[in-house]
C-alpha atoms as a PDB file:
ATOM      1  CA  MET A   1     -45.082 -24.379 -10.499  1.00  0.00           C
ATOM      2  CA  SER A   2     -43.270 -21.110 -11.192  1.00  0.00           C
ATOM      3  CA  VAL A   3     -44.404 -19.015 -14.161  1.00  0.00           C
ATOM      4  CA  PHE A   4     -40.743 -18.209 -14.905  1.00  0.00           C
ATOM      5  CA  SER A   5     -38.279 -20.589 -16.454  1.00  0.00           C
ATOM      6  CA  TYR A   6     -34.823 -21.163 -15.000  1.00  0.00           C
ATOM      7  CA  GLN A   7     -33.245 -18.900 -17.647  1.00  0.00           C
ATOM      8  CA  GLN A   8     -35.783 -16.138 -17.006  1.00  0.00           C
ATOM      9  CA  ARG A   9     -35.200 -16.242 -13.262  1.00  0.00           C
ATOM     10  CA  ASN A  10     -31.467 -16.094 -13.837  1.00  0.00           C
ATOM     11  CA  ASN A  11     -31.879 -13.080 -16.143  1.00  0.00           C
ATOM     12  CA  ILE A  12     -33.980 -11.297 -13.512  1.00  0.00           C
ATOM     13  CA  VAL A  13     -31.288 -11.954 -10.899  1.00  0.00           C
ATOM     14  CA  LEU A  14     -28.624 -10.650 -13.305  1.00  0.00           C
ATOM     15  CA  VAL A  15     -30.557  -7.449 -13.978  1.00  0.00           C
ATOM     16  CA  SER A  16     -31.084  -6.973 -10.224  1.00  0.00           C
ATOM     17  CA  ILE A  17     -27.356  -7.426  -9.622  1.00  0.00           C
ATOM     18  CA  ILE A  18     -26.509  -4.834 -12.302  1.00  0.00           C
ATOM     19  CA  VAL A  19     -29.030  -2.280 -10.986  1.00  0.00           C
ATOM     20  CA  LEU A  20     -27.945  -2.768  -7.376  1.00  0.00           C
ATOM     21  CA  GLY A  21     -24.273  -2.680  -8.398  1.00  0.00           C
ATOM     22  CA  CYS A  22     -24.763   0.656 -10.199  1.00  0.00           C
ATOM     23  CA  PHE A  23     -26.523   2.043  -7.132  1.00  0.00           C
ATOM     24  CA  LEU A  24     -23.698   0.861  -4.861  1.00  0.00           C
ATOM     25  CA  LEU A  25     -21.072   2.374  -7.169  1.00  0.00           C
ATOM     26  CA  TYR A  26     -22.908   5.686  -7.084  1.00  0.00           C
ATOM     27  CA  ALA A  27     -23.165   5.530  -3.289  1.00  0.00           C
ATOM     28  CA  LEU A  28     -19.436   4.761  -3.009  1.00  0.00           C
ATOM     29  CA  SER A  29     -18.368   7.530  -5.389  1.00  0.00           C
ATOM     30  CA  ALA A  30     -17.487   9.795  -2.442  1.00  0.00           C
ATOM     31  CA  ILE A  31     -14.827   7.324  -1.240  1.00  0.00           C
ATOM     32  CA  PHE A  32     -13.709   6.078  -4.635  1.00  0.00           C
ATOM     33  CA  SER A  33     -10.333   7.784  -4.201  1.00  0.00           C
ATOM     34  CA  ALA A  34      -9.885   5.861  -0.924  1.00  0.00           C
ATOM     35  CA  ILE A  35     -10.678   2.557  -2.652  1.00  0.00           C
ATOM     36  CA  LEU A  36      -8.307   3.303  -5.517  1.00  0.00           C
ATOM     37  CA  GLY A  37      -5.620   4.475  -3.096  1.00  0.00           C
ATOM     38  CA  ALA A  38      -5.924   1.240  -1.107  1.00  0.00           C
ATOM     39  CA  ILE A  39      -5.493  -0.784  -4.310  1.00  0.00           C
ATOM     40  CA  VAL A  40      -2.419   1.229  -5.329  1.00  0.00           C
ATOM     41  CA  LEU A  41      -0.776   0.894  -1.897  1.00  0.00           C
ATOM     42  CA  TYR A  42      -1.652  -2.815  -1.767  1.00  0.00           C
ATOM     43  CA  VAL A  43       0.050  -3.466  -5.101  1.00  0.00           C
ATOM     44  CA  MET A  44       3.102  -1.416  -4.102  1.00  0.00           C
ATOM     45  CA  PHE A  45       3.610  -2.917  -0.622  1.00  0.00           C
ATOM     46  CA  ARG A  46       2.476  -6.512  -1.280  1.00  0.00           C
ATOM     47  CA  PRO A  47       6.035  -7.851  -1.916  1.00  0.00           C
ATOM     48  CA  PHE A  48       7.306  -6.196   1.269  1.00  0.00           C
ATOM     49  CA  TYR A  49       4.385  -7.614   3.281  1.00  0.00           C
ATOM     50  CA  LEU A  50       5.050 -11.130   1.975  1.00  0.00           C
ATOM     51  CA  HIS A  51       8.745 -10.715   2.794  1.00  0.00           C
ATOM     52  CA  LEU A  52       7.901  -9.805   6.384  1.00  0.00           C
ATOM     53  CA  THR A  53       5.252 -12.470   6.982  1.00  0.00           C
ATOM     54  CA  GLU A  54       6.574 -15.430   4.978  1.00  0.00           C
ATOM     55  CA  LYS A  55      10.349 -15.021   5.050  1.00  0.00           C
ATOM     56  CA  ARG A  56      10.878 -13.264   8.359  1.00  0.00           C
ATOM     57  CA  ARG A  57       7.807 -14.871  10.015  1.00  0.00           C
ATOM     58  CA  TRP A  58       6.465 -11.602  11.387  1.00  0.00           C
ATOM     59  CA  ASN A  59       2.960 -11.352  12.797  1.00  0.00           C
ATOM     60  CA  THR A  60       0.470 -10.388  10.070  1.00  0.00           C
ATOM     61  CA  THR A  61      -1.128  -7.615  12.106  1.00  0.00           C
ATOM     62  CA  LEU A  62       2.235  -6.118  13.041  1.00  0.00           C
ATOM     63  CA  SER A  63       3.394  -6.275   9.414  1.00  0.00           C
ATOM     64  CA  ALA A  64       0.239  -4.546   8.151  1.00  0.00           C
ATOM     65  CA  LEU A  65       0.511  -1.808  10.776  1.00  0.00           C
ATOM     66  CA  LEU A  66       4.182  -1.270   9.896  1.00  0.00           C
ATOM     67  CA  ILE A  67       3.288  -0.823   6.217  1.00  0.00           C
ATOM     68  CA  ILE A  68       0.525   1.636   7.129  1.00  0.00           C
ATOM     69  CA  PHE A  69       2.983   3.612   9.257  1.00  0.00           C
ATOM     70  CA  ILE A  70       5.637   3.632   6.492  1.00  0.00           C
ATOM     71  CA  SER A  71       3.157   4.789   3.844  1.00  0.00           C
ATOM     72  CA  LEU A  72       1.896   7.557   6.130  1.00  0.00           C
ATOM     73  CA  ILE A  73       5.395   8.837   6.896  1.00  0.00           C
ATOM     74  CA  ALA A  74       6.831   8.423   3.390  1.00  0.00           C
ATOM     75  CA  ILE A  75       3.871   9.272   1.139  1.00  0.00           C
ATOM     76  CA  VAL A  76       0.719  10.706   2.687  1.00  0.00           C
ATOM     77  CA  ILE A  77       1.989  13.211   5.264  1.00  0.00           C
ATOM     78  CA  PRO A  78       4.716  14.749   3.006  1.00  0.00           C
ATOM     79  CA  PHE A  79       2.203  15.007   0.164  1.00  0.00           C
ATOM     80  CA  LEU A  80      -0.332  16.819   2.355  1.00  0.00           C
ATOM     81  CA  LEU A  81       2.296  19.157   3.816  1.00  0.00           C
ATOM     82  CA  LEU A  82       3.654  20.039   0.381  1.00  0.00           C
ATOM     83  CA  SER A  83       0.130  20.666  -0.918  1.00  0.00           C
ATOM     84  CA  ILE A  84      -0.618  23.001   2.001  1.00  0.00           C
ATOM     85  CA  MET A  85       2.660  24.829   1.389  1.00  0.00           C
ATOM     86  CA  VAL A  86       1.781  25.337  -2.268  1.00  0.00           C
ATOM     87  CA  ILE A  87      -1.678  26.710  -1.413  1.00  0.00           C
ATOM     88  CA  GLU A  88      -0.323  29.103   1.215  1.00  0.00           C
ATOM     89  CA  LYS A  89       2.313  30.361  -1.208  1.00  0.00           C
ATOM     90  CA  ILE A  90      -0.269  30.910  -3.960  1.00  0.00           C
ATOM     91  CA  ILE A  91      -2.429  32.893  -1.537  1.00  0.00           C
ATOM     92  CA  SER A  92       0.556  34.900  -0.300  1.00  0.00           C
ATOM     93  CA  PHE A  93       1.366  36.024  -3.855  1.00  0.00           C
ATOM     94  CA  LYS A  94      -1.527  38.480  -3.583  1.00  0.00           C
ATOM     95  CA  THR A  95       0.154  40.297  -0.704  1.00  0.00           C
ATOM     96  CA  SER A  96       3.786  39.712  -1.567  1.00  0.00           C
ATOM     97  CA  SER A  97       6.311  42.438  -2.232  1.00  0.00           C
ATOM     98  CA  LEU A  98       7.170  41.074  -5.664  1.00  0.00           C
ATOM     99  CA  PRO A  99       6.436  43.585  -8.464  1.00  0.00           C
ATOM    100  CA  ILE A 100       4.018  41.213 -10.199  1.00  0.00           C
ATOM    101  CA  ASP A 101       1.857  44.049 -11.542  1.00  0.00           C
ATOM    102  CA  SER A 102       4.800  45.687 -13.258  1.00  0.00           C
ATOM    103  CA  TRP A 103       5.879  42.376 -14.798  1.00  0.00           C
ATOM    104  CA  VAL A 104       2.356  41.788 -16.061  1.00  0.00           C
ATOM    105  CA  ASP A 105       2.264  45.280 -17.575  1.00  0.00           C
ATOM    106  CA  LYS A 106       5.591  44.736 -19.354  1.00  0.00           C
ATOM    107  CA  ILE A 107       4.513  41.376 -20.781  1.00  0.00           C
ATOM    108  CA  ASP A 108       1.159  42.835 -21.861  1.00  0.00           C
ATOM    109  CA  MET A 109       2.963  45.663 -23.675  1.00  0.00           C
ATOM    110  CA  VAL A 110       5.081  43.152 -25.609  1.00  0.00           C
ATOM    111  CA  THR A 111       2.149  40.844 -26.453  1.00  0.00           C
ATOM    112  CA  ALA A 112      -0.004  43.833 -27.490  1.00  0.00           C
ATOM    113  CA  GLU A 113       2.652  45.058 -29.879  1.00  0.00           C
ATOM    114  CA  TYR A 114       3.691  41.740 -31.443  1.00  0.00           C
ATOM    115  CA  LEU A 115       0.721  39.395 -30.864  1.00  0.00           C
ATOM    116  CA  SER A 116      -2.239  41.806 -30.693  1.00  0.00           C
ATOM    117  CA  GLN A 117      -3.025  40.433 -27.193  1.00  0.00           C
ATOM    118  CA  PRO A 118      -3.065  43.484 -24.869  1.00  0.00           C
ATOM    119  CA  ARG A 119      -4.206  41.520 -21.768  1.00  0.00           C
ATOM    120  CA  PHE A 120      -2.416  38.236 -22.377  1.00  0.00           C
ATOM    121  CA  ALA A 121      -0.439  38.102 -19.091  1.00  0.00           C
ATOM    122  CA  GLU A 122      -3.318  39.393 -16.967  1.00  0.00           C
ATOM    123  CA  ASP A 123      -5.798  36.861 -18.356  1.00  0.00           C
ATOM    124  CA  THR A 124      -3.283  34.027 -18.089  1.00  0.00           C
ATOM    125  CA  LEU A 125      -2.561  34.876 -14.448  1.00  0.00           C
ATOM    126  CA  LYS A 126      -6.275  34.846 -13.617  1.00  0.00           C
ATOM    127  CA  LYS A 127      -6.740  31.464 -15.321  1.00  0.00           C
ATOM    128  CA  LEU A 128      -3.759  30.004 -13.460  1.00  0.00           C
ATOM    129  CA  GLY A 129      -5.152  31.234 -10.146  1.00  0.00           C
ATOM    130  CA  THR A 130      -8.540  29.666 -10.853  1.00  0.00           C
ATOM    131  CA  TYR A 131      -6.915  26.423 -11.980  1.00  0.00           C
ATOM    132  CA  ALA A 132      -4.732  26.234  -8.865  1.00  0.00           C
ATOM    133  CA  ALA A 133      -7.738  26.853  -6.620  1.00  0.00           C
ATOM    134  CA  ASP A 134      -9.625  24.025  -8.344  1.00  0.00           C
ATOM    135  CA  LEU A 135      -6.613  21.723  -8.166  1.00  0.00           C
ATOM    136  CA  PHE A 136      -6.253  21.858  -4.378  1.00  0.00           C
ATOM    137  CA  PRO A 137      -9.843  22.327  -3.154  1.00  0.00           C
ATOM    138  CA  SER A 138      -9.901  19.547  -0.575  1.00  0.00           C
ATOM    139  CA  ILE A 139      -6.782  20.707   1.231  1.00  0.00           C
ATOM    140  CA  LEU A 140      -8.291  24.106   2.030  1.00  0.00           C
ATOM    141  CA  GLY A 141     -11.872  23.430   2.984  1.00  0.00           C
ATOM    142  CA  SER A 142     -12.425  19.715   3.518  1.00  0.00           C
ATOM    143  CA  ALA A 143     -10.150  18.469   6.269  1.00  0.00           C
ATOM    144  CA  ALA A 144     -12.930  16.153   7.469  1.00  0.00           C
ATOM    145  CA  ASN A 145     -13.162  14.571   4.010  1.00  0.00           C
ATOM    146  CA  ILE A 146      -9.404  14.002   3.949  1.00  0.00           C
ATOM    147  CA  ILE A 147      -9.490  12.302   7.345  1.00  0.00           C
ATOM    148  CA  LEU A 148     -12.463  10.147   6.296  1.00  0.00           C
ATOM    149  CA  THR A 149     -10.740   9.178   3.043  1.00  0.00           C
ATOM    150  CA  LEU A 150      -7.553   8.185   4.872  1.00  0.00           C
ATOM    151  CA  LEU A 151      -9.491   6.172   7.467  1.00  0.00           C
ATOM    152  CA  VAL A 152     -11.375   4.240   4.774  1.00  0.00           C
ATOM    153  CA  LEU A 153      -8.190   3.788   2.733  1.00  0.00           C
ATOM    154  CA  TYR A 154      -6.191   2.306   5.604  1.00  0.00           C
ATOM    155  CA  PHE A 155      -9.135   0.282   6.886  1.00  0.00           C
ATOM    156  CA  LEU A 156      -9.374  -1.407   3.470  1.00  0.00           C
ATOM    157  CA  LEU A 157      -5.604  -1.752   3.128  1.00  0.00           C
ATOM    158  CA  TYR A 158      -5.286  -3.362   6.568  1.00  0.00           C
ATOM    159  CA  PHE A 159      -7.755  -6.165   5.800  1.00  0.00           C
ATOM    160  CA  MET A 160      -6.446  -6.582   2.250  1.00  0.00           C
ATOM    161  CA  LEU A 161      -3.012  -7.306   3.748  1.00  0.00           C
ATOM    162  CA  VAL A 162      -3.988  -9.304   6.835  1.00  0.00           C
ATOM    163  CA  GLN A 163      -6.324 -11.519   4.768  1.00  0.00           C
ATOM    164  CA  LEU A 164      -4.124 -11.420   1.671  1.00  0.00           C
ATOM    165  CA  ARG A 165      -4.529 -15.058   0.601  1.00  0.00           C
ATOM    166  CA  GLU A 166      -8.301 -15.051   1.140  1.00  0.00           C
ATOM    167  CA  PHE A 167      -8.595 -11.705  -0.644  1.00  0.00           C
ATOM    168  CA  GLU A 168      -6.663 -12.866  -3.722  1.00  0.00           C
ATOM    169  CA  ALA A 169      -8.472 -16.228  -3.788  1.00  0.00           C
ATOM    170  CA  GLY A 170     -11.796 -14.365  -3.802  1.00  0.00           C
ATOM    171  CA  LEU A 171     -10.633 -12.180  -6.677  1.00  0.00           C
ATOM    172  CA  LEU A 172      -9.660 -15.259  -8.686  1.00  0.00           C
ATOM    173  CA  ARG A 173     -12.967 -16.966  -7.901  1.00  0.00           C
ATOM    174  CA  TYR A 174     -15.168 -14.054  -8.957  1.00  0.00           C
ATOM    175  CA  ALA A 175     -13.030 -12.634 -11.762  1.00  0.00           C
ATOM    176  CA  PRO A 176     -14.927 -12.600 -15.078  1.00  0.00           C
ATOM    177  CA  PHE A 177     -12.093 -14.344 -16.924  1.00  0.00           C
ATOM    178  CA  SER A 178     -10.001 -17.477 -16.680  1.00  0.00           C
ATOM    179  CA  GLU A 179      -7.390 -18.080 -13.989  1.00  0.00           C
ATOM    180  CA  GLN A 180      -4.620 -17.784 -16.571  1.00  0.00           C
ATOM    181  CA  HIS A 181      -5.860 -14.354 -17.664  1.00  0.00           C
ATOM    182  CA  SER A 182      -6.420 -13.348 -14.032  1.00  0.00           C
ATOM    183  CA  LEU A 183      -2.770 -14.041 -13.209  1.00  0.00           C
ATOM    184  CA  LYS A 184      -1.683 -12.228 -16.359  1.00  0.00           C
ATOM    185  CA  PHE A 185      -3.834  -9.266 -15.365  1.00  0.00           C
ATOM    186  CA  ALA A 186      -2.291  -9.269 -11.870  1.00  0.00           C
ATOM    187  CA  VAL A 187       1.223  -9.026 -13.323  1.00  0.00           C
ATOM    188  CA  ALA A 188       0.185  -6.283 -15.746  1.00  0.00           C
ATOM    189  CA  LEU A 189      -1.597  -4.476 -12.900  1.00  0.00           C
ATOM    190  CA  LYS A 190       1.581  -4.512 -10.828  1.00  0.00           C
ATOM    191  CA  ASN A 191       3.683  -3.234 -13.726  1.00  0.00           C
ATOM    192  CA  ALA A 192       1.224  -0.439 -14.547  1.00  0.00           C
ATOM    193  CA  THR A 193       1.034   0.651 -10.909  1.00  0.00           C
ATOM    194  CA  TYR A 194       4.800   0.604 -10.438  1.00  0.00           C
ATOM    195  CA  SER A 195       5.348   2.526 -13.677  1.00  0.00           C
ATOM    196  CA  ASN A 196       2.754   5.242 -12.977  1.00  0.00           C
ATOM    197  CA  VAL A 197       3.322   5.630  -9.238  1.00  0.00           C
ATOM    198  CA  LEU A 198       6.820   4.501  -8.293  1.00  0.00           C
ATOM    199  CA  GLY A 199       8.648   5.192 -11.556  1.00  0.00           C
ATOM    200  CA  GLN A 200       7.013   8.539 -12.276  1.00  0.00           C
ATOM    201  CA  GLY A 201       7.298   9.494  -8.609  1.00  0.00           C
ATOM    202  CA  ILE A 202      11.073   9.002  -8.645  1.00  0.00           C
ATOM    203  CA  ILE A 203      11.424  11.038 -11.851  1.00  0.00           C
ATOM    204  CA  SER A 204       9.261  13.856 -10.457  1.00  0.00           C
ATOM    205  CA  LEU A 205      11.220  14.071  -7.193  1.00  0.00           C
ATOM    206  CA  VAL A 206      14.560  14.201  -9.043  1.00  0.00           C
ATOM    207  CA  GLN A 207      13.309  16.887 -11.437  1.00  0.00           C
ATOM    208  CA  GLY A 208      11.863  18.973  -8.612  1.00  0.00           C
ATOM    209  CA  PHE A 209      15.092  18.774  -6.605  1.00  0.00           C
ATOM    210  CA  LEU A 210      17.269  19.697  -9.595  1.00  0.00           C
ATOM    211  CA  LEU A 211      15.082  22.639 -10.578  1.00  0.00           C
ATOM    212  CA  ALA A 212      15.018  23.982  -7.001  1.00  0.00           C
ATOM    213  CA  ASN A 213      18.817  23.654  -6.932  1.00  0.00           C
ATOM    214  CA  GLY A 214      19.130  25.598 -10.204  1.00  0.00           C
ATOM    215  CA  PHE A 215      16.827  28.364  -8.955  1.00  0.00           C
ATOM    216  CA  TRP A 216      18.875  28.605  -5.767  1.00  0.00           C
ATOM    217  CA  ILE A 217      22.146  28.871  -7.735  1.00  0.00           C
ATOM    218  CA  VAL A 218      20.911  31.873  -9.783  1.00  0.00           C
ATOM    219  CA  GLY A 219      19.351  33.492  -6.712  1.00  0.00           C
ATOM    220  CA  LEU A 220      15.668  33.219  -7.625  1.00  0.00           C
ATOM    221  CA  PRO A 221      13.289  33.657  -4.666  1.00  0.00           C
ATOM    222  CA  ASP A 222      11.285  30.728  -3.221  1.00  0.00           C
ATOM    223  CA  ALA A 223      13.446  28.031  -4.818  1.00  0.00           C
ATOM    224  CA  ILE A 224      11.952  25.289  -2.614  1.00  0.00           C
ATOM    225  CA  PHE A 225       8.408  26.333  -3.522  1.00  0.00           C
ATOM    226  CA  TRP A 226       9.147  26.175  -7.248  1.00  0.00           C
ATOM    227  CA  GLY A 227      10.842  22.827  -6.743  1.00  0.00           C
ATOM    228  CA  VAL A 228       7.619  21.505  -5.222  1.00  0.00           C
ATOM    229  CA  ILE A 229       5.613  22.921  -8.146  1.00  0.00           C
ATOM    230  CA  ALA A 230       8.077  21.244 -10.526  1.00  0.00           C
ATOM    231  CA  THR A 231       7.582  17.927  -8.700  1.00  0.00           C
ATOM    232  CA  PHE A 232       3.824  18.109  -9.252  1.00  0.00           C
ATOM    233  CA  ILE A 233       3.904  19.125 -12.921  1.00  0.00           C
ATOM    234  CA  SER A 234       6.600  16.542 -13.699  1.00  0.00           C
ATOM    235  CA  PHE A 235       3.759  14.012 -13.795  1.00  0.00           C
ATOM    236  CA  LEU A 236       2.877  15.674 -17.112  1.00  0.00           C
ATOM    237  CA  PRO A 237       5.315  14.055 -19.577  1.00  0.00           C
ATOM    238  CA  VAL A 238       5.053  16.787 -22.222  1.00  0.00           C
ATOM    239  CA  VAL A 239       5.170  19.766 -19.823  1.00  0.00           C
ATOM    240  CA  GLY A 240       7.487  18.619 -17.043  1.00  0.00           C
ATOM    241  CA  ALA A 241       9.774  20.573 -14.739  1.00  0.00           C
ATOM    242  CA  PRO A 242      12.119  21.918 -17.482  1.00  0.00           C
ATOM    243  CA  THR A 243       9.382  24.220 -18.820  1.00  0.00           C
ATOM    244  CA  LEU A 244       9.456  26.230 -15.567  1.00  0.00           C
ATOM    245  CA  SER A 245      12.957  27.354 -16.457  1.00  0.00           C
ATOM    246  CA  ILE A 246      11.559  29.350 -19.413  1.00  0.00           C
ATOM    247  CA  PRO A 247       9.496  31.896 -17.416  1.00  0.00           C
ATOM    248  CA  ALA A 248      12.271  31.974 -14.802  1.00  0.00           C
ATOM    249  CA  GLY A 249      14.817  32.845 -17.479  1.00  0.00           C
ATOM    250  CA  LEU A 250      12.542  35.514 -18.981  1.00  0.00           C
ATOM    251  CA  TYR A 251      12.039  37.022 -15.517  1.00  0.00           C
ATOM    252  CA  LEU A 252      15.797  37.253 -14.965  1.00  0.00           C
ATOM    253  CA  MET A 253      16.221  38.900 -18.354  1.00  0.00           C
ATOM    254  CA  LEU A 254      13.475  41.426 -17.571  1.00  0.00           C
ATOM    255  CA  ILE A 255      15.340  42.537 -14.441  1.00  0.00           C
ATOM    256  CA  GLY A 256      18.626  42.839 -16.345  1.00  0.00           C
ATOM    257  CA  ARG A 257      20.308  39.531 -15.428  1.00  0.00           C
ATOM    258  CA  THR A 258      20.602  38.246 -18.992  1.00  0.00           C
ATOM    259  CA  TRP A 259      23.322  35.625 -18.490  1.00  0.00           C
ATOM    260  CA  SER A 260      21.597  34.184 -15.429  1.00  0.00           C
ATOM    261  CA  GLY A 261      18.420  33.890 -17.496  1.00  0.00           C
ATOM    262  CA  VAL A 262      20.265  32.116 -20.299  1.00  0.00           C
ATOM    263  CA  PHE A 263      21.918  29.791 -17.778  1.00  0.00           C
ATOM    264  CA  ILE A 264      18.684  28.734 -16.029  1.00  0.00           C
ATOM    265  CA  MET A 265      16.935  28.070 -19.356  1.00  0.00           C
ATOM    266  CA  ALA A 266      19.870  26.000 -20.630  1.00  0.00           C
ATOM    267  CA  TYR A 267      20.075  24.207 -17.265  1.00  0.00           C
ATOM    268  CA  GLY A 268      16.383  23.322 -17.341  1.00  0.00           C
ATOM    269  CA  LEU A 269      15.855  22.520 -21.012  1.00  0.00           C
ATOM    270  CA  LEU A 270      19.173  20.813 -21.759  1.00  0.00           C
ATOM    271  CA  PHE A 271      20.385  19.295 -18.488  1.00  0.00           C
ATOM    272  CA  ILE A 272      17.148  18.443 -16.641  1.00  0.00           C
ATOM    273  CA  GLY A 273      15.325  17.649 -19.910  1.00  0.00           C
ATOM    274  CA  ASN A 274      17.962  15.169 -21.104  1.00  0.00           C
ATOM    275  CA  LEU A 275      18.378  13.685 -17.626  1.00  0.00           C
ATOM    276  CA  ASP A 276      14.631  13.073 -17.629  1.00  0.00           C
ATOM    277  CA  HIS A 277      14.945  10.911 -20.754  1.00  0.00           C
ATOM    278  CA  VAL A 278      17.836   8.945 -19.237  1.00  0.00           C
ATOM    279  CA  LEU A 279      15.904   8.321 -16.000  1.00  0.00           C
ATOM    280  CA  ARG A 280      12.839   7.155 -17.928  1.00  0.00           C
ATOM    281  CA  MET A 281      14.926   4.672 -19.922  1.00  0.00           C
ATOM    282  CA  VAL A 282      16.558   3.243 -16.769  1.00  0.00           C
ATOM    283  CA  ILE A 283      13.300   3.040 -14.791  1.00  0.00           C
ATOM    284  CA  ASN A 284      11.312   1.596 -17.686  1.00  0.00           C
ATOM    285  CA  LYS A 285      13.861  -1.205 -18.039  1.00  0.00           C
ATOM    286  CA  ARG A 286      13.565  -2.072 -14.348  1.00  0.00           C
ATOM    287  CA  ILE A 287       9.836  -1.519 -13.813  1.00  0.00           C
ATOM    288  CA  ALA A 288       7.546  -1.053 -16.804  1.00  0.00           C
ATOM    289  CA  ASN A 289       6.895   1.367 -19.609  1.00  0.00           C
ATOM    290  CA  THR A 290       3.831   3.606 -19.656  1.00  0.00           C
ATOM    291  CA  HIS A 291       3.253   5.358 -22.969  1.00  0.00           C
ATOM    292  CA  PRO A 292       3.277   9.189 -22.671  1.00  0.00           C
ATOM    293  CA  VAL A 293      -0.149   9.353 -24.337  1.00  0.00           C
ATOM    294  CA  ILE A 294      -1.606   7.291 -21.463  1.00  0.00           C
ATOM    295  CA  SER A 295      -0.025   9.658 -18.953  1.00  0.00           C
ATOM    296  CA  ILE A 296      -1.338  12.792 -20.665  1.00  0.00           C
ATOM    297  CA  ILE A 297      -4.904  11.554 -21.203  1.00  0.00           C
ATOM    298  CA  GLY A 298      -4.928   9.976 -17.734  1.00  0.00           C
ATOM    299  CA  VAL A 299      -3.995  13.290 -16.125  1.00  0.00           C
ATOM    300  CA  PHE A 300      -6.861  15.090 -17.884  1.00  0.00           C
ATOM    301  CA  ILE A 301      -9.207  12.319 -16.731  1.00  0.00           C
ATOM    302  CA  GLY A 302      -7.937  12.278 -13.164  1.00  0.00           C
ATOM    303  CA  LEU A 303      -7.681  15.986 -12.320  1.00  0.00           C
ATOM    304  CA  PRO A 304     -11.430  16.758 -12.471  1.00  0.00           C
ATOM    305  CA  LEU A 305     -12.211  13.593 -10.459  1.00  0.00           C
ATOM    306  CA  PHE A 306      -9.480  13.575  -7.806  1.00  0.00           C
ATOM    307  CA  GLY A 307      -7.865  17.018  -7.856  1.00  0.00           C
ATOM    308  CA  ILE A 308      -4.084  16.909  -7.413  1.00  0.00           C
ATOM    309  CA  LEU A 309      -4.260  13.144  -6.758  1.00  0.00           C
ATOM    310  CA  GLY A 310      -5.489  12.782 -10.338  1.00  0.00           C
ATOM    311  CA  LEU A 311      -1.905  13.270 -11.492  1.00  0.00           C
ATOM    312  CA  VAL A 312      -1.324   9.738 -10.172  1.00  0.00           C
ATOM    313  CA  PHE A 313      -4.769   8.136 -10.172  1.00  0.00           C
ATOM    314  CA  GLY A 314      -5.744   9.235 -13.693  1.00  0.00           C
ATOM    315  CA  PRO A 315      -2.965   7.397 -15.569  1.00  0.00           C
ATOM    316  CA  VAL A 316      -3.354   4.393 -13.234  1.00  0.00           C
ATOM    317  CA  LEU A 317      -7.092   4.141 -13.976  1.00  0.00           C
ATOM    318  CA  LEU A 318      -6.532   4.480 -17.714  1.00  0.00           C
ATOM    319  CA  SER A 319      -3.839   1.782 -17.612  1.00  0.00           C
ATOM    320  CA  TYR A 320      -6.221  -0.535 -15.749  1.00  0.00           C
ATOM    321  CA  PHE A 321      -8.935   0.131 -18.340  1.00  0.00           C
ATOM    322  CA  ILE A 322      -6.598  -0.696 -21.220  1.00  0.00           C
ATOM    323  CA  LEU A 323      -5.517  -3.919 -19.489  1.00  0.00           C
ATOM    324  CA  LEU A 324      -9.141  -5.010 -19.081  1.00  0.00           C
ATOM    325  CA  THR A 325      -9.820  -4.170 -22.731  1.00  0.00           C
ATOM    326  CA  GLU A 326      -6.872  -6.306 -23.845  1.00  0.00           C
ATOM    327  CA  ILE A 327      -8.093  -9.263 -21.759  1.00  0.00           C
ATOM    328  CA  TYR A 328     -11.624  -8.858 -23.138  1.00  0.00           C
ATOM    329  CA  GLU A 329     -10.281  -8.862 -26.688  1.00  0.00           C
ATOM    330  CA  THR A 330      -8.221 -12.001 -25.953  1.00  0.00           C
ATOM    331  CA  ASN A 331     -11.289 -13.761 -24.519  1.00  0.00           C
ATOM    332  CA  ARG A 332     -13.437 -12.707 -27.474  1.00  0.00           C
ATOM    333  CA  MET A 333     -10.923 -14.040 -30.006  1.00  0.00           C
ATOM    334  CA  ALA A 334     -10.624 -17.314 -28.067  1.00  0.00           C
ATOM    335  CA  ALA A 335     -14.433 -17.686 -28.000  1.00  0.00           C
ATOM    336  CA  GLU A 336     -14.679 -17.060 -31.753  1.00  0.00           C
ATOM    337  CA  ARG A 337     -11.926 -19.599 -32.393  1.00  0.00           C
ATOM    338  CA  LEU A 338     -13.775 -22.165 -30.271  1.00  0.00           C
ATOM    339  CA  GLU A 339     -17.041 -21.495 -32.128  1.00  0.00           C
ATOM    340  CA  ARG A 340     -15.328 -22.011 -35.491  1.00  0.00           C
ATOM    341  CA  ILE A 341     -13.881 -25.312 -34.286  1.00  0.00           C
ATOM    342  CA  ARG A 342     -17.294 -26.470 -33.072  1.00  0.00           C
ATOM    343  CA  ALA A 343     -18.863 -25.480 -36.381  1.00  0.00           C
ATOM    344  CA  ILE A 344     -16.567 -27.850 -38.266  1.00  0.00           C
ATOM    345  CA  PRO A 345     -18.135 -31.300 -38.722  1.00  0.00           C
ATOM    346  CA  SER A 346     -16.561 -33.905 -36.463  1.00  0.00           C
ATOM    347  CA  ASP A 347     -15.293 -35.975 -39.393  1.00  0.00           C
ATOM    348  CA  GLU A 348     -13.382 -32.923 -40.750  1.00  0.00           C
ATOM    349  CA  GLN A 349     -11.655 -31.974 -37.479  1.00  0.00           C
ATOM    350  CA  PHE A 350      -9.094 -34.755 -37.803  1.00  0.00           C
END
């Protein structure tokens, strides 16, 4: 006869599962971005996959491969190329013919006189260079890691799509909450992903294009480059692309083009800024609404973990965490309500 009771053996198994699960999570930390990316792409392309396989009766393998090809062409490859362009441009600033040193000296003279900060521009430029280098580390020195991440991502995505029904049935079976809450979580998961990825992506692309167009109109150099930078920082709801028009306007004023500087600042702050609010209202009505606080905190969470991808993954992760917290709170309240009902004597329940 065993020295352990059934409950004790079950507790030992539970502790073993937790310890082993923590070890596995630690071991998988290197490919966590691939796992999260597969989940995001699965949620985004699931309706299209079902349309192909169930309505048009396409082969499941062919449909999955088509989605992988579309995501590579439309999302991954452009993102990598734009990131490489940004890094090369940042590096080229050191050897460019632009009179950056003279601009820095002029700004430092002004800040020394009015703000008692004699090296404000110089220190800020150094911090921005360090931040940019930290933001895009994997693009420069870890091509093998990028390839490995993409292989794992698409390997997971392929089987998640091809075995879609089995995959979702397994999630429902092993989910730590009821089927009703699981389905509710799935809907909320889709809305959060669409809002953070698709909705914010559309807004960022529009802002980047409009800012590049404005820079081109006033004759600023490297308009496309600054449009790409605007696309990236547009994921920050408080900062956004319109703020780039402020240093651009100041630069134009410093070189004597006062009216052009006034125009680009008004164009960015008034036109692009107000258009941003209109786009958010339209997209939030059609997709879902993500609170700006979630976006800001999510970005600060995601950047140290995923680099530039943290602009997307950070808010998505935080939204998922909040959804799980809401479901936990709902389950806890339901359990307390059930306990109160059970505590009432049977003759008083009716």
